[in-house]
Amino acid sequence: MAVHTVTEAAKLAGVTRRTIYRYIKQGKLSTVVTGSDSAQIETSELLRVFGNLSHPEEYPPDHTKKSLNMSHV
């Protein structure tokens, strides 16, 4: 099963990192320890607690395009 960092888990679940840490501390969300000794969250655990997960965009939105405001013309 795939595992995720706290940041990745928060993005997938649509919550803040703080919520993920709080759920871990309260025992609502279980973690696994990987070879790097960092806590990771399995996808199945995120599904159990949060239900459907969002699919983060593969690429960030393009903020280089500027909208034209023609109201002043």
Protein backbone atom coordinates (compact mmCIF):
# COMPACT_ATOMS: atom_id res chain seq x y z
CA MET A 1 0.00 0.00 0.00
CA ALA A 2 1.23 3.51 -0.77
CA VAL A 3 2.28 5.79 2.05
CA HIS A 4 2.24 9.57 2.22
CA THR A 5 3.95 12.31 4.18
CA VAL A 6 1.84 14.49 6.44
CA THR A 7 1.87 17.24 3.81
CA GLU A 8 0.78 14.87 1.04
CA ALA A 9 -1.89 13.33 3.29
CA ALA A 10 -3.29 16.76 4.11
CA LYS A 11 -3.53 17.67 0.41
CA LEU A 12 -5.21 14.37 -0.45
CA ALA A 13 -7.68 14.65 2.43
CA GLY A 14 -8.40 18.34 1.81
CA VAL A 15 -7.43 19.34 5.36
CA THR A 16 -4.54 21.18 6.95
CA ARG A 17 -1.34 19.59 8.21
CA ARG A 18 -2.43 20.66 11.67
CA THR A 19 -5.59 18.53 11.34
CA ILE A 20 -3.50 15.51 10.31
CA TYR A 21 -1.19 15.95 13.32
CA ARG A 22 -4.17 16.44 15.64
CA TYR A 23 -5.87 13.25 14.35
CA ILE A 24 -2.62 11.33 14.86
CA LYS A 25 -2.26 12.64 18.42
CA GLN A 26 -5.91 11.81 19.20
CA GLY A 27 -5.50 8.28 17.82
CA LYS A 28 -7.98 8.85 15.01
CA LEU A 29 -5.33 8.38 12.33
CA SER A 30 -2.64 5.69 12.43
CA THR A 31 0.86 6.06 11.03
CA VAL A 32 3.58 3.69 9.94
CA VAL A 33 7.29 4.31 10.44
CA THR A 34 9.36 4.01 7.30
CA GLY A 35 13.05 3.29 6.94
CA SER A 36 13.82 6.98 7.35
CA ASP A 37 12.14 6.98 10.79
CA SER A 38 9.52 9.46 9.63
CA ALA A 39 5.83 8.92 10.26
CA GLN A 40 3.91 8.16 7.09
CA ILE A 41 0.19 7.61 6.53
CA GLU A 42 -1.10 4.77 4.36
CA THR A 43 -3.66 5.59 1.68
CA SER A 44 -6.08 3.05 3.18
CA GLU A 45 -5.91 4.87 6.52
CA LEU A 46 -6.73 8.20 4.84
CA LEU A 47 -9.69 6.57 3.11
CA ARG A 48 -10.91 5.07 6.37
CA VAL A 49 -10.83 8.39 8.21
CA PHE A 50 -11.68 10.93 5.50
CA GLY A 51 -13.58 8.92 2.88
CA ASN A 52 -13.01 10.06 -0.68
CA LEU A 53 -9.68 11.68 -1.37
CA SER A 54 -8.96 14.47 -3.79
CA HIS A 55 -6.55 14.01 -6.64
CA PRO A 56 -4.02 16.82 -6.45
CA GLU A 57 -3.34 18.46 -9.77
CA GLU A 58 -0.34 17.09 -11.54
CA TYR A 59 0.84 20.59 -12.34
CA PRO A 60 0.15 23.78 -10.40
CA PRO A 61 -2.26 26.19 -12.05
CA ASP A 62 -0.68 28.65 -14.46
CA HIS A 63 -0.52 31.97 -12.66
CA THR A 64 1.45 33.61 -15.45
CA LYS A 65 -1.69 34.42 -17.45
CA LYS A 66 -3.12 37.76 -16.51
CA SER A 67 -6.74 38.62 -16.97
CA LEU A 68 -7.49 41.85 -18.69
CA ASN A 69 -9.74 44.28 -16.90
CA MET A 70 -11.36 46.33 -19.62
CA SER A 71 -13.92 48.04 -17.38
CA HIS A 72 -11.91 51.23 -17.23
CA VAL A 73 -11.75 51.64 -21.04
